[in-house]
Amino acid sequence: MFIVGENIHIISPRVKKAIQERDAATIQELAKAQVASGADVLDLNIGPQKKSGPEVMTWMVNTVQEVVDVRLSFDTTNLAAIETGLKLAKRQAIINSTSAEPERLEKVPLLAAEYDAKLIALMMGKSGIPLSAEERVSIALDQLVPRAMEVGIPMENLYLDPLVLTVAGCQEYCPHAIEAVRYVKQGLDPAPITICGLSNVSNNVPTENRSLLNRVYLVMLMAAGLDAAIADPLDDKLRDVIRIVEQRDDSTGAGALLLALYDATAAMEELEPSQVDMSDPEQVDIWKTVQVLLNKTIFSEAYLRM
């Protein structure tokens, strides 16, 4: 599992202000902190930047590469800005992202092929995000993968994204992203690399509940075959969950439960109440979160207190 650090994102007021004021120190602080916490890639989300995209991307890439030496992911709808970033990147970069929307699918993969960049491909078309896992996988297998092959992108450079939706309002679709990862992993040989925007699952959720939702969902996604996540590397608990899964560390009750969840999801089964120590508040919170993510308990801001 590798992590694409998500924290240099224009949706953050701090980042937006830093971009507007060309405040290099703030961007560099965020870059160094994420790398120090284990980020393998840094996502640079500058927004659409319709008029000044190349200039902003030039400043951003140079600013970040002055202080860290990791791969960069370019996250903007401005193709000229993406190409600028690709030209400046010292390491193989990632384009975030294309979809099966005709114009994007025509142009973005060509850039990835020209610059030998990795490409995140969202399992969505011109009609928006499909609701079922089957529809998402159909877009991947019928449109995204064939287009990548057509322009000469090797499978190891294609990252398929099943599109994580928030549990706050789109709860019923949370299981579909898990199954979409599983299906594409099983349906292609060699299996494609899979990635997701993990924090999307907890969008519009109270801050105190976000990390728990992200962590539990990540375990389930990893069990289905997820290879990478665009996530917050500064979340110590999230990093520890990855360690628990990768090292099979069952030395704590919560860790043992997370491994039981991983194994059940990998086997296309569900965690059983008998596997939960209901006297352990941490395990109870994990159990309640699993039920929400499987759409078995209706999400509310107070779901952990119910």
C-alpha atoms as a PDB file:
ATOM      1  CA  MET A   1       0.000   0.000   0.000  1.00  0.00           C
ATOM      2  CA  PHE A   2       1.403   3.369  -0.944  1.00  0.00           C
ATOM      3  CA  ILE A   3       0.024   6.736  -0.026  1.00  0.00           C
ATOM      4  CA  VAL A   4      -0.450   9.797  -2.215  1.00  0.00           C
ATOM      5  CA  GLY A   5      -0.421  12.752   0.157  1.00  0.00           C
ATOM      6  CA  GLU A   6      -3.586  14.799  -0.282  1.00  0.00           C
ATOM      7  CA  ASN A   7      -2.830  17.857   1.831  1.00  0.00           C
ATOM      8  CA  ILE A   8      -1.683  20.298  -0.863  1.00  0.00           C
ATOM      9  CA  HIS A   9      -5.215  20.881  -2.095  1.00  0.00           C
ATOM     10  CA  ILE A  10      -6.717  24.177  -3.137  1.00  0.00           C
ATOM     11  CA  ILE A  11      -9.918  23.375  -1.258  1.00  0.00           C
ATOM     12  CA  SER A  12      -7.910  24.069   1.911  1.00  0.00           C
ATOM     13  CA  PRO A  13      -8.145  27.789   2.739  1.00  0.00           C
ATOM     14  CA  ARG A  14      -4.511  27.717   3.853  1.00  0.00           C
ATOM     15  CA  VAL A  15      -3.335  26.232   0.563  1.00  0.00           C
ATOM     16  CA  LYS A  16      -5.568  28.488  -1.510  1.00  0.00           C
ATOM     17  CA  LYS A  17      -4.144  31.557   0.227  1.00  0.00           C
ATOM     18  CA  ALA A  18      -0.585  30.277  -0.191  1.00  0.00           C
ATOM     19  CA  ILE A  19      -1.117  29.830  -3.930  1.00  0.00           C
ATOM     20  CA  GLN A  20      -2.644  33.286  -4.290  1.00  0.00           C
ATOM     21  CA  GLU A  21       0.183  34.937  -2.359  1.00  0.00           C
ATOM     22  CA  ARG A  22       2.938  32.649  -3.728  1.00  0.00           C
ATOM     23  CA  ASP A  23       3.768  31.721  -0.143  1.00  0.00           C
ATOM     24  CA  ALA A  24       6.425  29.068  -0.751  1.00  0.00           C
ATOM     25  CA  ALA A  25       7.112  28.453   2.943  1.00  0.00           C
ATOM     26  CA  THR A  26       3.592  27.176   3.621  1.00  0.00           C
ATOM     27  CA  ILE A  27       3.595  24.815   0.634  1.00  0.00           C
ATOM     28  CA  GLN A  28       7.069  23.546   1.488  1.00  0.00           C
ATOM     29  CA  GLU A  29       6.064  22.943   5.108  1.00  0.00           C
ATOM     30  CA  LEU A  30       3.130  20.809   3.952  1.00  0.00           C
ATOM     31  CA  ALA A  31       5.308  18.937   1.479  1.00  0.00           C
ATOM     32  CA  LYS A  32       8.022  18.127   4.004  1.00  0.00           C
ATOM     33  CA  ALA A  33       5.550  17.088   6.697  1.00  0.00           C
ATOM     34  CA  GLN A  34       3.773  14.646   4.390  1.00  0.00           C
ATOM     35  CA  VAL A  35       6.992  13.071   3.141  1.00  0.00           C
ATOM     36  CA  ALA A  36       8.335  12.794   6.682  1.00  0.00           C
ATOM     37  CA  SER A  37       5.134  10.954   7.593  1.00  0.00           C
ATOM     38  CA  GLY A  38       5.555   8.422   4.805  1.00  0.00           C
ATOM     39  CA  ALA A  39       3.866   9.858   1.726  1.00  0.00           C
ATOM     40  CA  ASP A  40       5.239   8.138  -1.378  1.00  0.00           C
ATOM     41  CA  VAL A  41       3.738  10.712  -3.762  1.00  0.00           C
ATOM     42  CA  LEU A  42       2.493  14.271  -3.289  1.00  0.00           C
ATOM     43  CA  ASP A  43      -0.720  15.309  -5.023  1.00  0.00           C
ATOM     44  CA  LEU A  44      -0.651  18.929  -6.158  1.00  0.00           C
ATOM     45  CA  ASN A  45      -4.239  20.056  -6.567  1.00  0.00           C
ATOM     46  CA  ILE A  46      -4.299  23.583  -7.958  1.00  0.00           C
ATOM     47  CA  GLY A  47      -7.928  23.604  -9.087  1.00  0.00           C
ATOM     48  CA  PRO A  48      -9.025  24.499 -12.641  1.00  0.00           C
ATOM     49  CA  GLN A  49      -6.773  27.603 -12.922  1.00  0.00           C
ATOM     50  CA  LYS A  50      -8.182  28.314 -16.374  1.00  0.00           C
ATOM     51  CA  LYS A  51      -6.106  31.420 -17.030  1.00  0.00           C
ATOM     52  CA  SER A  52      -2.906  30.954 -15.058  1.00  0.00           C
ATOM     53  CA  GLY A  53      -2.619  27.168 -14.845  1.00  0.00           C
ATOM     54  CA  PRO A  54       0.869  26.720 -16.344  1.00  0.00           C
ATOM     55  CA  GLU A  55       2.314  29.602 -14.320  1.00  0.00           C
ATOM     56  CA  VAL A  56       0.792  28.316 -11.060  1.00  0.00           C
ATOM     57  CA  MET A  57       1.945  24.775 -11.762  1.00  0.00           C
ATOM     58  CA  THR A  58       5.463  25.966 -12.563  1.00  0.00           C
ATOM     59  CA  TRP A  59       5.645  27.781  -9.244  1.00  0.00           C
ATOM     60  CA  MET A  60       4.122  24.873  -7.336  1.00  0.00           C
ATOM     61  CA  VAL A  61       6.394  22.175  -8.787  1.00  0.00           C
ATOM     62  CA  ASN A  62       9.556  24.225  -8.356  1.00  0.00           C
ATOM     63  CA  THR A  63       8.546  25.154  -4.814  1.00  0.00           C
ATOM     64  CA  VAL A  64       7.917  21.542  -3.783  1.00  0.00           C
ATOM     65  CA  GLN A  65      10.919  20.052  -5.550  1.00  0.00           C
ATOM     66  CA  GLU A  66      13.224  22.470  -3.760  1.00  0.00           C
ATOM     67  CA  VAL A  67      12.606  20.633  -0.476  1.00  0.00           C
ATOM     68  CA  VAL A  68      11.497  17.042  -1.231  1.00  0.00           C
ATOM     69  CA  ASP A  69      12.457  14.341  -3.687  1.00  0.00           C
ATOM     70  CA  VAL A  70       9.338  12.271  -4.333  1.00  0.00           C
ATOM     71  CA  ARG A  71       7.011  11.646  -7.230  1.00  0.00           C
ATOM     72  CA  LEU A  72       4.336  14.250  -7.885  1.00  0.00           C
ATOM     73  CA  SER A  73       0.718  13.896  -8.918  1.00  0.00           C
ATOM     74  CA  PHE A  74      -0.847  16.692 -10.945  1.00  0.00           C
ATOM     75  CA  ASP A  75      -4.476  17.318 -10.097  1.00  0.00           C
ATOM     76  CA  THR A  76      -6.194  19.897 -12.289  1.00  0.00           C
ATOM     77  CA  THR A  77      -8.543  19.979 -15.257  1.00  0.00           C
ATOM     78  CA  ASN A  78      -6.151  22.349 -17.047  1.00  0.00           C
ATOM     79  CA  LEU A  79      -4.259  20.146 -19.494  1.00  0.00           C
ATOM     80  CA  ALA A  80      -1.673  22.832 -20.252  1.00  0.00           C
ATOM     81  CA  ALA A  81      -0.892  23.013 -16.535  1.00  0.00           C
ATOM     82  CA  ILE A  82      -0.562  19.228 -16.348  1.00  0.00           C
ATOM     83  CA  GLU A  83       1.861  19.217 -19.267  1.00  0.00           C
ATOM     84  CA  THR A  84       3.886  21.966 -17.600  1.00  0.00           C
ATOM     85  CA  GLY A  85       4.153  19.827 -14.483  1.00  0.00           C
ATOM     86  CA  LEU A  86       5.177  16.777 -16.486  1.00  0.00           C
ATOM     87  CA  LYS A  87       7.993  18.727 -18.106  1.00  0.00           C
ATOM     88  CA  LEU A  88       9.317  19.934 -14.754  1.00  0.00           C
ATOM     89  CA  ALA A  89       8.930  16.734 -12.730  1.00  0.00           C
ATOM     90  CA  LYS A  90      12.234  15.142 -11.698  1.00  0.00           C
ATOM     91  CA  ARG A  91      10.625  11.725 -11.211  1.00  0.00           C
ATOM     92  CA  GLN A  92       7.956   9.795 -13.068  1.00  0.00           C
ATOM     93  CA  ALA A  93       4.764  11.703 -12.363  1.00  0.00           C
ATOM     94  CA  ILE A  94       1.092  10.833 -12.050  1.00  0.00           C
ATOM     95  CA  ILE A  95      -1.764  12.528 -13.885  1.00  0.00           C
ATOM     96  CA  ASN A  96      -4.838  12.834 -11.677  1.00  0.00           C
ATOM     97  CA  SER A  97      -6.980  12.142 -13.644  1.00  0.00           C
ATOM     98  CA  THR A  98      -8.920  11.059 -16.703  1.00  0.00           C
ATOM     99  CA  SER A  99     -12.394   9.574 -16.925  1.00  0.00           C
ATOM    100  CA  ALA A 100     -14.363   7.980 -19.728  1.00  0.00           C
ATOM    101  CA  GLU A 101     -15.882  11.355 -20.568  1.00  0.00           C
ATOM    102  CA  PRO A 102     -15.077  11.593 -24.302  1.00  0.00           C
ATOM    103  CA  GLU A 103     -12.934  14.741 -24.341  1.00  0.00           C
ATOM    104  CA  ARG A 104     -10.902  13.696 -21.293  1.00  0.00           C
ATOM    105  CA  LEU A 105     -10.470  10.151 -22.578  1.00  0.00           C
ATOM    106  CA  GLU A 106      -9.254  11.464 -25.922  1.00  0.00           C
ATOM    107  CA  LYS A 107      -6.675  13.940 -24.620  1.00  0.00           C
ATOM    108  CA  VAL A 108      -5.414  12.972 -21.174  1.00  0.00           C
ATOM    109  CA  PRO A 109      -4.110   9.457 -21.946  1.00  0.00           C
ATOM    110  CA  LEU A 110      -2.108  10.909 -24.838  1.00  0.00           C
ATOM    111  CA  LEU A 111      -0.261  13.160 -22.392  1.00  0.00           C
ATOM    112  CA  ALA A 112       0.448  10.237 -20.088  1.00  0.00           C
ATOM    113  CA  ALA A 113       1.812   8.195 -22.978  1.00  0.00           C
ATOM    114  CA  GLU A 114       3.953  11.047 -24.309  1.00  0.00           C
ATOM    115  CA  TYR A 115       5.623  11.724 -20.948  1.00  0.00           C
ATOM    116  CA  ASP A 116       5.656   8.140 -19.626  1.00  0.00           C
ATOM    117  CA  ALA A 117       3.478   9.262 -16.728  1.00  0.00           C
ATOM    118  CA  LYS A 118       1.233   7.128 -14.611  1.00  0.00           C
ATOM    119  CA  LEU A 119      -2.463   7.836 -15.118  1.00  0.00           C
ATOM    120  CA  ILE A 120      -5.338   7.685 -12.650  1.00  0.00           C
ATOM    121  CA  ALA A 121      -8.498   6.693 -14.516  1.00  0.00           C
ATOM    122  CA  LEU A 122     -11.816   7.301 -12.816  1.00  0.00           C
ATOM    123  CA  MET A 123     -14.552   4.729 -13.401  1.00  0.00           C
ATOM    124  CA  MET A 124     -17.051   7.294 -14.634  1.00  0.00           C
ATOM    125  CA  GLY A 125     -18.302   8.543 -17.994  1.00  0.00           C
ATOM    126  CA  LYS A 126     -20.151  11.546 -19.338  1.00  0.00           C
ATOM    127  CA  SER A 127     -23.236  10.668 -17.260  1.00  0.00           C
ATOM    128  CA  GLY A 128     -21.340  11.018 -13.999  1.00  0.00           C
ATOM    129  CA  ILE A 129     -20.525   8.449 -11.340  1.00  0.00           C
ATOM    130  CA  PRO A 130     -22.252   5.092 -11.913  1.00  0.00           C
ATOM    131  CA  LEU A 131     -23.971   3.785  -8.824  1.00  0.00           C
ATOM    132  CA  SER A 132     -23.293   0.070  -9.086  1.00  0.00           C
ATOM    133  CA  ALA A 133     -19.971  -1.741  -8.990  1.00  0.00           C
ATOM    134  CA  GLU A 134     -20.877  -3.528 -12.211  1.00  0.00           C
ATOM    135  CA  GLU A 135     -21.381  -0.266 -14.099  1.00  0.00           C
ATOM    136  CA  ARG A 136     -18.097   1.140 -12.848  1.00  0.00           C
ATOM    137  CA  VAL A 137     -16.180  -1.992 -13.796  1.00  0.00           C
ATOM    138  CA  SER A 138     -17.815  -2.003 -17.222  1.00  0.00           C
ATOM    139  CA  ILE A 139     -16.483   1.519 -17.847  1.00  0.00           C
ATOM    140  CA  ALA A 140     -13.026   0.401 -16.737  1.00  0.00           C
ATOM    141  CA  LEU A 141     -12.907  -2.725 -18.866  1.00  0.00           C
ATOM    142  CA  ASP A 142     -14.719  -1.405 -21.940  1.00  0.00           C
ATOM    143  CA  GLN A 143     -13.329   2.128 -22.161  1.00  0.00           C
ATOM    144  CA  LEU A 144     -10.491   3.053 -19.800  1.00  0.00           C
ATOM    145  CA  VAL A 145      -8.248   0.024 -20.225  1.00  0.00           C
ATOM    146  CA  PRO A 146      -8.708  -0.228 -24.023  1.00  0.00           C
ATOM    147  CA  ARG A 147      -7.902   3.470 -24.447  1.00  0.00           C
ATOM    148  CA  ALA A 148      -4.757   3.129 -22.343  1.00  0.00           C
ATOM    149  CA  MET A 149      -3.638   0.175 -24.442  1.00  0.00           C
ATOM    150  CA  GLU A 150      -4.490   2.023 -27.659  1.00  0.00           C
ATOM    151  CA  VAL A 151      -2.143   4.918 -26.869  1.00  0.00           C
ATOM    152  CA  GLY A 152       0.608   2.715 -25.491  1.00  0.00           C
ATOM    153  CA  ILE A 153       0.243   3.133 -21.727  1.00  0.00           C
ATOM    154  CA  PRO A 154       1.544  -0.043 -20.054  1.00  0.00           C
ATOM    155  CA  MET A 155      -0.758  -1.629 -17.493  1.00  0.00           C
ATOM    156  CA  GLU A 156       1.664  -0.820 -14.682  1.00  0.00           C
ATOM    157  CA  ASN A 157       1.167   2.881 -15.434  1.00  0.00           C
ATOM    158  CA  LEU A 158      -2.641   2.746 -15.234  1.00  0.00           C
ATOM    159  CA  TYR A 159      -4.330   3.265 -11.853  1.00  0.00           C
ATOM    160  CA  LEU A 160      -8.055   2.501 -11.807  1.00  0.00           C
ATOM    161  CA  ASP A 161     -10.124   4.507  -9.321  1.00  0.00           C
ATOM    162  CA  PRO A 162     -13.537   3.078  -8.307  1.00  0.00           C
ATOM    163  CA  LEU A 163     -14.715   6.461  -7.000  1.00  0.00           C
ATOM    164  CA  VAL A 164     -15.346   6.570  -3.279  1.00  0.00           C
ATOM    165  CA  LEU A 165     -18.495   8.456  -2.276  1.00  0.00           C
ATOM    166  CA  THR A 166     -19.277  10.002   1.073  1.00  0.00           C
ATOM    167  CA  VAL A 167     -21.112   8.033   3.717  1.00  0.00           C
ATOM    168  CA  ALA A 168     -22.979  11.265   4.486  1.00  0.00           C
ATOM    169  CA  GLY A 169     -25.639  11.161   1.795  1.00  0.00           C
ATOM    170  CA  CYS A 170     -24.333   8.375  -0.435  1.00  0.00           C
ATOM    171  CA  GLN A 171     -24.038   5.624   2.176  1.00  0.00           C
ATOM    172  CA  GLU A 172     -25.683   2.945   0.046  1.00  0.00           C
ATOM    173  CA  TYR A 173     -22.877   3.193  -2.512  1.00  0.00           C
ATOM    174  CA  CYS A 174     -19.967   2.632  -0.118  1.00  0.00           C
ATOM    175  CA  PRO A 175     -19.971  -1.164  -0.621  1.00  0.00           C
ATOM    176  CA  HIS A 176     -19.931  -0.705  -4.402  1.00  0.00           C
ATOM    177  CA  ALA A 177     -16.462   0.865  -4.432  1.00  0.00           C
ATOM    178  CA  ILE A 178     -15.129  -2.136  -2.503  1.00  0.00           C
ATOM    179  CA  GLU A 179     -16.684  -4.553  -4.966  1.00  0.00           C
ATOM    180  CA  ALA A 180     -15.488  -2.528  -7.964  1.00  0.00           C
ATOM    181  CA  VAL A 181     -11.901  -2.919  -6.732  1.00  0.00           C
ATOM    182  CA  ARG A 182     -12.434  -6.646  -6.279  1.00  0.00           C
ATOM    183  CA  TYR A 183     -13.952  -7.119  -9.739  1.00  0.00           C
ATOM    184  CA  VAL A 184     -11.237  -5.300 -11.676  1.00  0.00           C
ATOM    185  CA  LYS A 185      -8.559  -7.180  -9.752  1.00  0.00           C
ATOM    186  CA  GLN A 186     -10.188 -10.477 -10.668  1.00  0.00           C
ATOM    187  CA  GLY A 187     -11.218  -9.553 -14.198  1.00  0.00           C
ATOM    188  CA  LEU A 188      -7.886  -8.654 -15.801  1.00  0.00           C
ATOM    189  CA  ASP A 189      -4.554 -10.436 -16.134  1.00  0.00           C
ATOM    190  CA  PRO A 190      -2.260  -8.766 -15.348  1.00  0.00           C
ATOM    191  CA  ALA A 191      -4.408  -7.112 -12.715  1.00  0.00           C
ATOM    192  CA  PRO A 192      -4.420  -3.318 -12.884  1.00  0.00           C
ATOM    193  CA  ILE A 193      -3.243  -1.106 -10.053  1.00  0.00           C
ATOM    194  CA  THR A 194      -6.132   0.315  -8.031  1.00  0.00           C
ATOM    195  CA  ILE A 195      -6.294   3.607  -6.166  1.00  0.00           C
ATOM    196  CA  CYS A 196      -8.961   5.717  -4.515  1.00  0.00           C
ATOM    197  CA  GLY A 197      -9.540   9.071  -2.878  1.00  0.00           C
ATOM    198  CA  LEU A 198      -9.980   7.566   0.575  1.00  0.00           C
ATOM    199  CA  SER A 199     -10.999  10.694   2.462  1.00  0.00           C
ATOM    200  CA  ASN A 200     -14.025  11.131   0.204  1.00  0.00           C
ATOM    201  CA  VAL A 201     -15.847   8.544   2.307  1.00  0.00           C
ATOM    202  CA  SER A 202     -15.847  10.929   5.274  1.00  0.00           C
ATOM    203  CA  ASN A 203     -16.582  14.163   3.467  1.00  0.00           C
ATOM    204  CA  ASN A 204     -19.157  16.285   5.310  1.00  0.00           C
ATOM    205  CA  VAL A 205     -18.722  14.158   8.439  1.00  0.00           C
ATOM    206  CA  PRO A 206     -17.817  15.716  11.818  1.00  0.00           C
ATOM    207  CA  THR A 207     -14.057  15.943  12.203  1.00  0.00           C
ATOM    208  CA  GLU A 208     -13.955  13.620  15.209  1.00  0.00           C
ATOM    209  CA  ASN A 209     -15.396  10.738  13.161  1.00  0.00           C
ATOM    210  CA  ARG A 210     -13.479  11.176   9.919  1.00  0.00           C
ATOM    211  CA  SER A 211     -10.321   9.251  10.732  1.00  0.00           C
ATOM    212  CA  LEU A 212     -12.200   6.209  12.042  1.00  0.00           C
ATOM    213  CA  LEU A 213     -14.343   5.994   8.919  1.00  0.00           C
ATOM    214  CA  ASN A 214     -11.278   6.384   6.712  1.00  0.00           C
ATOM    215  CA  ARG A 215      -9.326   3.723   8.602  1.00  0.00           C
ATOM    216  CA  VAL A 216     -12.009   1.067   8.665  1.00  0.00           C
ATOM    217  CA  TYR A 217     -12.916   1.643   5.037  1.00  0.00           C
ATOM    218  CA  LEU A 218      -9.261   1.380   4.041  1.00  0.00           C
ATOM    219  CA  VAL A 219      -8.983  -2.054   5.663  1.00  0.00           C
ATOM    220  CA  MET A 220     -11.996  -3.236   3.645  1.00  0.00           C
ATOM    221  CA  LEU A 221     -10.650  -1.758   0.424  1.00  0.00           C
ATOM    222  CA  MET A 222      -7.212  -3.273   0.982  1.00  0.00           C
ATOM    223  CA  ALA A 223      -8.848  -6.650   1.489  1.00  0.00           C
ATOM    224  CA  ALA A 224     -10.536  -6.298  -1.904  1.00  0.00           C
ATOM    225  CA  GLY A 225      -7.192  -5.505  -3.549  1.00  0.00           C
ATOM    226  CA  LEU A 226      -6.655  -1.753  -3.255  1.00  0.00           C
ATOM    227  CA  ASP A 227      -3.012  -0.865  -3.955  1.00  0.00           C
ATOM    228  CA  ALA A 228      -2.869   2.851  -3.196  1.00  0.00           C
ATOM    229  CA  ALA A 229      -4.844   5.646  -1.601  1.00  0.00           C
ATOM    230  CA  ILE A 230      -4.938   9.400  -1.903  1.00  0.00           C
ATOM    231  CA  ALA A 231      -5.108  10.130   1.804  1.00  0.00           C
ATOM    232  CA  ASP A 232      -3.773  12.129   4.733  1.00  0.00           C
ATOM    233  CA  PRO A 233      -0.320  10.804   5.645  1.00  0.00           C
ATOM    234  CA  LEU A 234      -0.341  13.001   8.749  1.00  0.00           C
ATOM    235  CA  ASP A 235      -3.023  10.755  10.289  1.00  0.00           C
ATOM    236  CA  ASP A 236      -0.913   8.583  12.591  1.00  0.00           C
ATOM    237  CA  LYS A 237      -3.778   6.190  13.253  1.00  0.00           C
ATOM    238  CA  LEU A 238      -4.317   5.633   9.540  1.00  0.00           C
ATOM    239  CA  ARG A 239      -0.652   4.803   9.038  1.00  0.00           C
ATOM    240  CA  ASP A 240      -0.804   2.417  11.986  1.00  0.00           C
ATOM    241  CA  VAL A 241      -3.757   0.572  10.473  1.00  0.00           C
ATOM    242  CA  ILE A 242      -1.764   0.031   7.291  1.00  0.00           C
ATOM    243  CA  ARG A 243       1.079  -1.326   9.400  1.00  0.00           C
ATOM    244  CA  ILE A 244      -1.270  -3.642  11.310  1.00  0.00           C
ATOM    245  CA  VAL A 245      -2.612  -5.120   8.073  1.00  0.00           C
ATOM    246  CA  GLU A 246       0.720  -5.415   6.310  1.00  0.00           C
ATOM    247  CA  GLN A 247       2.497  -6.911   9.335  1.00  0.00           C
ATOM    248  CA  ARG A 248      -0.490  -8.964  10.516  1.00  0.00           C
ATOM    249  CA  ASP A 249      -0.113  -7.446  13.967  1.00  0.00           C
ATOM    250  CA  ASP A 250      -2.820  -8.900  16.206  1.00  0.00           C
ATOM    251  CA  SER A 251      -1.165  -7.860  19.469  1.00  0.00           C
ATOM    252  CA  THR A 252      -4.081  -5.592  20.431  1.00  0.00           C
ATOM    253  CA  GLY A 253      -7.786  -6.295  20.490  1.00  0.00           C
ATOM    254  CA  ALA A 254      -8.494  -3.594  17.920  1.00  0.00           C
ATOM    255  CA  GLY A 255      -5.703  -4.845  15.678  1.00  0.00           C
ATOM    256  CA  ALA A 256      -6.999  -8.410  15.850  1.00  0.00           C
ATOM    257  CA  LEU A 257     -10.477  -7.185  14.958  1.00  0.00           C
ATOM    258  CA  LEU A 258      -9.192  -5.193  11.986  1.00  0.00           C
ATOM    259  CA  LEU A 259      -7.396  -8.297  10.730  1.00  0.00           C
ATOM    260  CA  ALA A 260     -10.595 -10.302  11.168  1.00  0.00           C
ATOM    261  CA  LEU A 261     -12.395  -7.643   9.133  1.00  0.00           C
ATOM    262  CA  TYR A 262      -9.693  -7.803   6.478  1.00  0.00           C
ATOM    263  CA  ASP A 263      -9.895 -11.594   6.245  1.00  0.00           C
ATOM    264  CA  ALA A 264     -13.688 -11.622   6.119  1.00  0.00           C
ATOM    265  CA  THR A 265     -13.800  -8.982   3.380  1.00  0.00           C
ATOM    266  CA  ALA A 266     -11.124 -10.780   1.367  1.00  0.00           C
ATOM    267  CA  ALA A 267     -13.202 -13.965   1.571  1.00  0.00           C
ATOM    268  CA  MET A 268     -16.334 -12.040   0.492  1.00  0.00           C
ATOM    269  CA  GLU A 269     -17.827 -12.620   3.915  1.00  0.00           C
ATOM    270  CA  GLU A 270     -18.875 -10.321   6.735  1.00  0.00           C
ATOM    271  CA  LEU A 271     -17.486  -9.710  10.185  1.00  0.00           C
ATOM    272  CA  GLU A 272     -19.520 -11.522  12.850  1.00  0.00           C
ATOM    273  CA  PRO A 273     -20.609 -10.012  16.190  1.00  0.00           C
ATOM    274  CA  SER A 274     -19.000 -12.975  17.942  1.00  0.00           C
ATOM    275  CA  GLN A 275     -15.608 -11.699  16.743  1.00  0.00           C
ATOM    276  CA  VAL A 276     -16.068  -8.401  18.595  1.00  0.00           C
ATOM    277  CA  ASP A 277     -15.306  -7.851  22.271  1.00  0.00           C
ATOM    278  CA  MET A 278     -18.309  -5.692  23.080  1.00  0.00           C
ATOM    279  CA  SER A 279     -16.692  -4.650  26.370  1.00  0.00           C
ATOM    280  CA  ASP A 280     -13.915  -2.876  24.423  1.00  0.00           C
ATOM    281  CA  PRO A 281     -15.107   0.596  23.314  1.00  0.00           C
ATOM    282  CA  GLU A 282     -12.548   0.728  20.499  1.00  0.00           C
ATOM    283  CA  GLN A 283     -13.749  -2.565  19.046  1.00  0.00           C
ATOM    284  CA  VAL A 284     -17.375  -1.470  19.396  1.00  0.00           C
ATOM    285  CA  ASP A 285     -16.621   1.707  17.426  1.00  0.00           C
ATOM    286  CA  ILE A 286     -14.979  -0.370  14.683  1.00  0.00           C
ATOM    287  CA  TRP A 287     -17.984  -2.706  14.595  1.00  0.00           C
ATOM    288  CA  LYS A 288     -20.463   0.180  14.352  1.00  0.00           C
ATOM    289  CA  THR A 289     -18.385   1.767  11.583  1.00  0.00           C
ATOM    290  CA  VAL A 290     -18.338  -1.459   9.579  1.00  0.00           C
ATOM    291  CA  GLN A 291     -22.124  -1.656   9.789  1.00  0.00           C
ATOM    292  CA  VAL A 292     -22.424   1.900   8.470  1.00  0.00           C
ATOM    293  CA  LEU A 293     -19.981   1.280   5.613  1.00  0.00           C
ATOM    294  CA  LEU A 294     -21.861  -1.873   4.619  1.00  0.00           C
ATOM    295  CA  ASN A 295     -25.091   0.156   4.652  1.00  0.00           C
ATOM    296  CA  LYS A 296     -26.585  -2.025   7.377  1.00  0.00           C
ATOM    297  CA  THR A 297     -26.968   0.808   9.890  1.00  0.00           C
ATOM    298  CA  ILE A 298     -28.109   4.254   8.802  1.00  0.00           C
ATOM    299  CA  PHE A 299     -25.358   6.821   9.168  1.00  0.00           C
ATOM    300  CA  SER A 300     -25.908   9.782  11.431  1.00  0.00           C
ATOM    301  CA  GLU A 301     -23.469  12.142  13.071  1.00  0.00           C
ATOM    302  CA  ALA A 302     -24.171  10.359  16.356  1.00  0.00           C
ATOM    303  CA  TYR A 303     -23.839   6.798  15.038  1.00  0.00           C
ATOM    304  CA  LEU A 304     -21.097   5.885  17.519  1.00  0.00           C
ATOM    305  CA  ARG A 305     -23.336   6.869  20.452  1.00  0.00           C
ATOM    306  CA  MET A 306     -26.309   4.842  19.307  1.00  0.00           C
END
